[in-house]
Structure formats: structure tokens, C-alpha cells
């Protein structure tokens, strides 16, 4: 195993010739740089990224995550990604999952708004996206569905008055799109006629608290089905916890953090471990051993899934990543 740090002699050109300087560079920094270069190499001519390295069809989730993962050192790739995202916005302000698909919109709208959070020139497009996001809600917000869940469909345990956001329109609320929508709306640059944002964020928080698993953590949707407690998922739990940046003292949050902290060292999937690092760091839990472990995962440079590759980059650079997600540490 490589040491935690290595002394690299950096050669650079100065007036009068070549000289050497000492620079302390961690092996994590080296791994991060290599993975970011690989990410840039996978960028398509459209400026987007495909879901898989073997595919050529750009998808919006990996494009948004890659856009967040590439810092100022990769300005050209970042700018191309931004332009790709802006070109693919639907006329109603939302974004599809794939280019040319889902004209009604999808959950990825929230993630793209996060990716565009510092783009001042795109404020009109962002505000249009925020407006769509505020109009989007899980089907249980409809009175007919509320009646259904209170009378005939009692197999799931949740309060239909507490709703969040769906994966796609005309479906029920789910944990991950709700968490991303909360994170996005918390970065709203101004009220700009969107005064409902704080109340929707609060409602989303209440929905997540209502659907937490009985012993902590979150499943994809509900904590209890047919009277049985569902097992939490590390990635769903981690993404939900990011949305609780301003609600750290909630008992359910602390219980879920404790569960995630126990399970994180056992995770063998880069996707789950990377999200866990971001969530634990967001709530000021120690992540240095986890980051070290992730950086030594075998074959990271052969990851087929582009979203996972981008997410690993974010976890290895978690301070900058959390700032991009609007989370204060």
C-alpha cells in the first residue's frame, strides 16, 4: 500500500533555466488528479458525458456530477459541460434524464441546478428551473391520493400531508429526488417571485423525517411497508443527510449518522462509500480513513459508470464538493 503522503520533486521553468522545488503532495491528490483527467477524456463532443464509458449517448446525471467535480484547472471541460446543460433545458424549465427525452422533466433538474449554482450568466435559466421545481410534487400531494393512502392503501406507513419530490412527474415522492431538491432550493439566488421556496423546503424536510427507517437511515422511499421495517441503504441515507445541513440536531438525523458511521468502513462499492464520505463530512464526522480507503480502491481508473467516477472525484475533494452542494462545514 502506498504511504499517505509522498514528497514529489516538481520541476518548473524559471528565468535562467530549470530548478527543482520540494512540494508535499498526498497520494490522494495524485489519485484525484488522475481521475479528473480520465473524466475529461470521457467527455463527448457535445460537452456531456454518457452514463457508461462504453456508450456514446450523453446523459444528464453524469454530466451534472462531472460538471461539479471539475474545478478551475479544467475550465474548458467545465464550460463545455455547462453549455451542454443549458442547451438541453426543456421549454418548461426542467431537464430530461437523457438528451431529447422526458420533455415533462425529471428529478435531474435539481442536480443540474446545483451544478449551475455559481453561473451568474445562467440566472434566467436557473430561475426557470427553480420555478418548475417548486411546481413539482409527489402525487400524494393530490387530495385523491391523500384519501387513498388514508383509507384503502394502508400497506405503507407515511403521512401523505408530508410530501416531497418524485423521480418523474405524476409519481409519488422519493427520498433521493427530495433531498436533491432541498439542496437546490437552498441555493436559490433570490426570491424573484419564488417566495414558496422556504415552505417547500420545510415540507421536504418533514417528509424525509416522516419516512426515516425505524432504527435510522433511509430506504429509497418508505421506512415501513406491510408492517415491516425496511433496511436502510447507505447511498439513500447519505444523500438524505446532506439535505439536513440546517437540521443537524434532529434525533432521527443523529441516529442515521451513527448508523452510517458504523456501516461506512464496511462498504465495498465506491458509489456508496463516496456518498457516505460526503454526508459524514457534512455533519463533521471524521472521514480521513474513509477517504484514504477510497483512494486505494482497486481499478478506480476502470470504472465503467461515469457518475461513480465523478462522485469518487467529489469524495476525494470533499470540502470543495460540499461547498458546491451548498453545505457548510
Protein backbone atom coordinates (compact mmCIF):
# COMPACT_ATOMS: atom_id res chain seq x y z
CA UNK A 1 0.00 0.00 0.00
CA UNK A 2 1.28 3.45 -0.86
CA UNK A 3 2.11 5.82 2.03
CA UNK A 4 -0.35 8.54 2.94
CA UNK A 5 1.96 11.24 1.63
CA UNK A 6 4.88 11.39 -0.73
CA UNK A 7 7.47 14.03 -1.46
CA UNK A 8 7.40 14.88 -5.15
CA UNK A 9 10.11 16.92 -6.80
CA UNK A 10 8.37 19.38 -9.05
CA UNK A 11 10.39 20.66 -11.96
CA UNK A 12 9.40 24.01 -13.35
CA UNK A 13 10.88 26.59 -15.67
CA UNK A 14 12.17 29.85 -14.28
CA UNK A 15 14.25 32.62 -15.83
CA UNK A 16 17.71 31.21 -16.24
CA UNK A 17 16.78 27.54 -16.56
CA UNK A 18 15.21 24.57 -14.76
CA UNK A 19 15.13 24.30 -10.99
CA UNK A 20 13.64 21.83 -8.51
CA UNK A 21 11.30 22.61 -5.66
CA UNK A 22 10.01 20.45 -2.84
CA UNK A 23 6.26 20.02 -2.78
CA UNK A 24 4.33 17.83 -0.35
CA UNK A 25 1.57 16.18 -2.35
CA UNK A 26 -0.67 13.50 -0.87
CA UNK A 27 -1.32 10.32 -2.76
CA UNK A 28 -4.99 11.27 -2.55
CA UNK A 29 -4.18 14.42 -4.54
CA UNK A 30 -2.41 12.32 -7.14
CA UNK A 31 -5.31 9.88 -7.42
CA UNK A 32 -7.79 12.75 -7.68
CA UNK A 33 -5.82 14.44 -10.46
CA UNK A 34 -5.58 11.21 -12.45
CA UNK A 35 -9.32 10.52 -12.12
CA UNK A 36 -10.24 14.05 -13.16
CA UNK A 37 -8.05 13.73 -16.25
CA UNK A 38 -9.79 10.45 -17.04
CA UNK A 39 -13.15 12.15 -16.59
CA UNK A 40 -12.19 14.87 -19.07
CA UNK A 41 -11.04 12.25 -21.56
CA UNK A 42 -14.51 10.67 -21.45
CA UNK A 43 -16.30 13.92 -22.29
CA UNK A 44 -18.20 13.71 -25.57
CA UNK A 45 -18.02 16.36 -28.34
CA UNK A 46 -21.44 17.60 -27.16
CA UNK A 47 -19.89 18.62 -23.84
CA UNK A 48 -21.78 15.94 -21.92
CA UNK A 49 -20.95 12.52 -20.58
CA UNK A 50 -22.56 9.15 -21.24
CA UNK A 51 -23.76 7.03 -18.33
CA UNK A 52 -21.24 4.31 -19.26
CA UNK A 53 -17.79 4.55 -20.80
CA UNK A 54 -18.95 2.11 -23.47
CA UNK A 55 -21.86 4.35 -24.51
CA UNK A 56 -21.98 7.44 -26.70
CA UNK A 57 -25.39 8.79 -25.62
CA UNK A 58 -24.96 11.75 -23.26
CA UNK A 59 -26.96 11.57 -20.03
CA UNK A 60 -27.68 14.42 -17.66
CA UNK A 61 -26.87 12.84 -14.28
CA UNK A 62 -23.22 12.02 -15.12
CA UNK A 63 -22.88 15.35 -16.93
CA UNK A 64 -24.07 17.29 -13.88
CA UNK A 65 -21.84 15.33 -11.47
CA UNK A 66 -18.84 15.69 -13.77
CA UNK A 67 -19.51 19.42 -14.08
CA UNK A 68 -19.43 19.72 -10.27
CA UNK A 69 -16.32 17.53 -9.99
CA UNK A 70 -14.14 19.51 -12.41
CA UNK A 71 -12.56 22.55 -10.80
CA UNK A 72 -10.93 25.64 -12.28
CA UNK A 73 -7.97 23.58 -13.51
CA UNK A 74 -10.34 22.11 -16.10
CA UNK A 75 -12.12 25.28 -17.19
CA UNK A 76 -12.60 24.23 -20.81
CA UNK A 77 -14.28 20.92 -19.95
CA UNK A 78 -16.37 22.60 -17.26
CA UNK A 79 -17.53 25.34 -19.63
CA UNK A 80 -18.43 22.81 -22.32
CA UNK A 81 -20.44 20.84 -19.76
CA UNK A 82 -22.25 23.98 -18.64
CA UNK A 83 -23.20 24.84 -22.22
CA UNK A 84 -24.41 21.29 -22.78
CA UNK A 85 -26.65 21.52 -19.72
CA UNK A 86 -28.08 24.86 -20.79
CA UNK A 87 -28.76 23.63 -24.33
CA UNK A 88 -30.73 20.63 -23.08
CA UNK A 89 -33.12 22.51 -20.79
CA UNK A 90 -36.77 21.83 -21.61
CA UNK A 91 -39.06 24.72 -22.54
CA UNK A 92 -40.89 24.38 -19.21
CA UNK A 93 -37.64 24.98 -17.28
CA UNK A 94 -36.93 21.36 -16.37
CA UNK A 95 -34.27 18.96 -17.61
CA UNK A 96 -34.63 15.43 -19.01
CA UNK A 97 -32.68 12.36 -17.96
CA UNK A 98 -31.26 11.91 -21.47
CA UNK A 99 -30.85 14.43 -24.26
CA UNK A 100 -34.12 14.76 -26.15
CA UNK A 101 -36.10 12.67 -23.63
CA UNK A 102 -38.58 13.46 -20.82
CA UNK A 103 -39.95 16.77 -22.08
CA UNK A 104 -42.08 16.98 -18.92
CA UNK A 105 -38.94 16.98 -16.79
CA UNK A 106 -37.28 14.73 -14.24
CA UNK A 107 -35.52 14.62 -10.88
CA UNK A 108 -32.21 15.53 -12.51
CA UNK A 109 -33.44 19.15 -12.70
CA UNK A 110 -32.44 19.63 -9.06
CA UNK A 111 -28.97 18.16 -9.59
CA UNK A 112 -28.38 20.38 -12.62
CA UNK A 113 -29.43 23.48 -10.68
CA UNK A 114 -26.75 22.53 -8.14
CA UNK A 115 -24.20 22.12 -10.94
CA UNK A 116 -25.09 25.61 -12.25
CA UNK A 117 -25.11 27.23 -8.80
CA UNK A 118 -22.25 29.67 -9.49
CA UNK A 119 -23.17 30.53 -13.09
CA UNK A 120 -24.30 34.15 -12.98
CA UNK A 121 -24.90 34.35 -16.74
CA UNK A 122 -27.41 31.50 -16.49
CA UNK A 123 -29.59 33.08 -13.79
CA UNK A 124 -32.66 33.35 -16.12
CA UNK A 125 -32.40 29.64 -17.00
CA UNK A 126 -31.81 28.74 -13.36
CA UNK A 127 -34.83 30.71 -12.16
CA UNK A 128 -36.96 28.97 -14.77
CA UNK A 129 -35.69 25.65 -13.43
CA UNK A 130 -36.41 26.66 -9.84
CA UNK A 131 -39.94 27.64 -10.83
CA UNK A 132 -40.51 24.18 -12.34
CA UNK A 133 -39.06 22.55 -9.24
CA UNK A 134 -41.47 24.43 -6.99
CA UNK A 135 -44.39 23.29 -9.13
CA UNK A 136 -43.23 19.67 -8.97
CA UNK A 137 -44.58 17.49 -6.16
CA UNK A 138 -45.23 13.86 -5.36
CA UNK A 139 -48.68 12.56 -6.32
CA UNK A 140 -49.61 12.08 -2.65
CA UNK A 141 -49.96 15.87 -2.53
CA UNK A 142 -53.17 15.44 -4.56
CA UNK A 143 -56.36 15.17 -2.47
CA UNK A 144 -57.40 11.93 -4.18
CA UNK A 145 -54.12 10.24 -3.38
CA UNK A 146 -54.28 11.55 0.20
CA UNK A 147 -57.69 9.89 0.56
CA UNK A 148 -56.33 6.68 -1.00
CA UNK A 149 -53.40 6.41 1.42
CA UNK A 150 -55.64 7.18 4.40
CA UNK A 151 -58.39 4.71 3.55
CA UNK A 152 -57.77 1.88 1.07
CA UNK A 153 -53.97 1.67 0.79
CA UNK A 154 -52.60 1.15 4.29
CA UNK A 155 -49.64 -1.03 3.32
CA UNK A 156 -47.15 1.82 3.60
CA UNK A 157 -46.64 3.93 6.68
CA UNK A 158 -46.31 7.62 5.92
CA UNK A 159 -48.20 10.88 6.27
CA UNK A 160 -49.41 11.96 2.78
CA UNK A 161 -49.60 15.55 4.01
CA UNK A 162 -45.80 15.49 4.12
CA UNK A 163 -44.68 15.19 0.52
CA UNK A 164 -41.52 15.90 -1.41
CA UNK A 165 -40.43 15.36 -4.99
CA UNK A 166 -40.76 12.43 -7.43
CA UNK A 167 -38.26 10.92 -9.86
CA UNK A 168 -40.59 11.86 -12.74
CA UNK A 169 -43.89 13.78 -12.82
CA UNK A 170 -47.12 12.04 -11.80
CA UNK A 171 -45.46 9.63 -9.36
CA UNK A 172 -45.02 9.63 -5.59
CA UNK A 173 -42.27 11.29 -3.59
CA UNK A 174 -38.95 9.52 -3.10
CA UNK A 175 -36.02 10.16 -0.80
CA UNK A 176 -33.22 11.00 -3.27
CA UNK A 177 -35.06 13.48 -5.55
CA UNK A 178 -36.47 15.16 -2.43
CA UNK A 179 -33.01 15.55 -0.90
CA UNK A 180 -31.53 16.98 -4.11
CA UNK A 181 -34.47 19.37 -4.48
CA UNK A 182 -33.92 20.66 -0.94
CA UNK A 183 -30.22 21.19 -1.64
CA UNK A 184 -31.02 23.01 -4.89
CA UNK A 185 -33.68 25.30 -3.40
CA UNK A 186 -31.37 26.20 -0.53
CA UNK A 187 -29.13 27.77 -3.21
CA UNK A 188 -31.88 29.91 -4.73
CA UNK A 189 -30.07 33.20 -5.57
CA UNK A 190 -33.04 35.44 -4.73
CA UNK A 191 -36.78 35.23 -4.01
CA UNK A 192 -37.55 36.56 -7.52
CA UNK A 193 -41.23 35.65 -7.26
CA UNK A 194 -40.43 32.24 -5.76
CA UNK A 195 -41.48 33.03 -2.19
CA UNK A 196 -42.84 29.50 -1.72
CA UNK A 197 -39.31 28.03 -1.67
CA UNK A 198 -38.76 28.06 2.14
CA UNK A 199 -42.11 26.39 2.85
CA UNK A 200 -41.46 23.70 0.21
CA UNK A 201 -38.02 23.04 1.67
CA UNK A 202 -39.54 22.67 5.14
CA UNK A 203 -42.20 20.33 3.81
CA UNK A 204 -39.50 18.24 2.13
CA UNK A 205 -37.58 18.05 5.42
CA UNK A 206 -40.75 16.89 7.19
CA UNK A 207 -41.33 14.26 4.50
CA UNK A 208 -37.82 12.85 4.97
CA UNK A 209 -38.23 12.75 8.75
CA UNK A 210 -41.59 11.01 8.35
CA UNK A 211 -40.06 8.27 6.17
CA UNK A 212 -36.87 7.51 8.08
CA UNK A 213 -36.34 3.84 8.88
CA UNK A 214 -37.27 2.95 12.50
CA UNK A 215 -33.65 2.35 13.54
CA UNK A 216 -32.12 5.14 11.50
CA UNK A 217 -31.21 5.70 7.87
CA UNK A 218 -33.36 5.84 4.76
CA UNK A 219 -34.58 3.36 2.22
CA UNK A 220 -35.46 4.58 -1.27
CA UNK A 221 -39.00 5.54 -0.30
CA UNK A 222 -40.65 4.42 2.94
CA UNK A 223 -39.32 3.16 6.24
CA UNK A 224 -42.11 0.64 6.87
CA UNK A 225 -44.12 -1.44 4.37
CA UNK A 226 -46.72 -4.12 5.22
CA UNK A 227 -45.85 -3.57 8.87
CA UNK A 228 -42.19 -4.49 8.39
CA UNK A 229 -39.30 -2.13 8.97
CA UNK A 230 -37.21 -1.78 5.81
CA UNK A 231 -33.42 -1.81 5.88
CA UNK A 232 -31.73 1.50 5.15
CA UNK A 233 -29.47 1.96 2.12
CA UNK A 234 -26.09 3.71 2.55
CA UNK A 235 -26.41 5.92 -0.55
CA UNK A 236 -30.04 6.93 0.07
CA UNK A 237 -29.16 7.65 3.71
CA UNK A 238 -26.11 9.71 2.80
CA UNK A 239 -27.91 11.82 0.20
CA UNK A 240 -30.80 12.43 2.62
CA UNK A 241 -28.36 13.50 5.34
CA UNK A 242 -26.85 16.15 3.05
CA UNK A 243 -30.27 17.83 3.00
CA UNK A 244 -30.19 18.17 6.81
CA UNK A 245 -27.35 20.67 6.83
CA UNK A 246 -29.52 23.10 8.80
CA UNK A 247 -31.21 20.45 10.95
CA UNK A 248 -28.24 18.65 12.47
CA UNK A 249 -29.78 18.19 15.94
CA UNK A 250 -32.83 16.23 14.84
CA UNK A 251 -32.80 12.88 16.74
CA UNK A 252 -33.51 10.98 13.51
CA UNK A 253 -30.55 12.70 11.86
CA UNK A 254 -28.15 11.81 14.66
CA UNK A 255 -29.43 8.22 14.75
CA UNK A 256 -28.96 7.94 10.98
CA UNK A 257 -25.48 9.44 11.16
CA UNK A 258 -24.49 6.92 13.82
CA UNK A 259 -25.75 4.08 11.60
CA UNK A 260 -23.91 5.41 8.53
CA UNK A 261 -20.71 5.92 10.51
CA UNK A 262 -20.83 2.28 11.67
CA UNK A 263 -21.52 0.86 8.23
CA UNK A 264 -19.25 3.08 6.10
CA UNK A 265 -15.94 1.25 6.81
CA UNK A 266 -17.52 -2.00 5.55
CA UNK A 267 -18.70 -0.61 2.20
CA UNK A 268 -17.07 -2.08 -0.89
CA UNK A 269 -18.97 -0.10 -3.57
CA UNK A 270 -17.24 3.20 -4.50
CA UNK A 271 -20.63 4.84 -5.12
CA UNK A 272 -21.93 4.14 -1.62
CA UNK A 273 -18.66 4.94 0.12
CA UNK A 274 -18.26 8.22 -1.76
CA UNK A 275 -21.73 9.44 -0.79
CA UNK A 276 -21.08 8.31 2.80
CA UNK A 277 -17.88 10.36 2.94
CA UNK A 278 -19.72 13.49 1.79
CA UNK A 279 -22.56 13.01 4.29
CA UNK A 280 -20.34 12.24 7.27
CA UNK A 281 -18.04 15.16 6.46
CA UNK A 282 -21.06 17.44 6.11
CA UNK A 283 -22.02 16.57 9.68
CA UNK A 284 -18.46 16.94 10.96
CA UNK A 285 -17.72 13.28 11.48
CA UNK A 286 -14.19 12.06 10.81
CA UNK A 287 -13.71 10.85 7.22
CA UNK A 288 -9.93 10.77 6.75
CA UNK A 289 -9.65 6.94 7.00
CA UNK A 290 -12.59 6.54 4.60
CA UNK A 291 -11.08 8.92 2.06
CA UNK A 292 -7.78 7.07 2.32
CA UNK A 293 -9.58 3.78 1.80
CA UNK A 294 -11.49 5.09 -1.22
CA UNK A 295 -8.32 6.41 -2.84
CA UNK A 296 -6.84 2.90 -2.66
CA UNK A 297 -9.82 1.09 -4.13
CA UNK A 298 -8.58 -1.14 -6.96
CA UNK A 299 -9.33 -0.26 -10.58
CA UNK A 300 -10.88 3.16 -9.97
CA UNK A 301 -9.49 4.15 -13.35
CA UNK A 302 -11.54 1.35 -14.92
CA UNK A 303 -14.89 2.38 -13.52
CA UNK A 304 -17.47 1.83 -16.24
CA UNK A 305 -20.09 4.05 -14.61
CA UNK A 306 -19.34 7.72 -15.27
CA UNK A 307 -21.49 9.03 -12.40
CA UNK A 308 -19.49 6.88 -9.98
CA UNK A 309 -16.20 8.14 -11.43
CA UNK A 310 -17.33 11.76 -10.96
CA UNK A 311 -18.63 11.06 -7.47
CA UNK A 312 -15.34 9.49 -6.39
CA UNK A 313 -13.64 12.71 -7.52
CA UNK A 314 -16.07 14.67 -5.37
CA UNK A 315 -15.48 12.50 -2.31
CA UNK A 316 -11.69 12.76 -2.63
CA UNK A 317 -12.13 16.55 -2.69
CA UNK A 318 -15.00 16.64 -0.20
CA UNK A 319 -14.52 20.18 1.12
CA UNK A 320 -14.94 21.73 -2.32
CA UNK A 321 -17.72 19.27 -3.15
CA UNK A 322 -19.75 20.19 -0.07
CA UNK A 323 -19.36 23.89 -0.91
CA UNK A 324 -20.77 23.15 -4.36
CA UNK A 325 -23.74 21.38 -2.77
CA UNK A 326 -24.31 24.44 -0.57
CA UNK A 327 -23.42 22.59 2.62
CA UNK A 328 -21.47 24.47 5.29
CA UNK A 329 -18.95 22.52 7.37
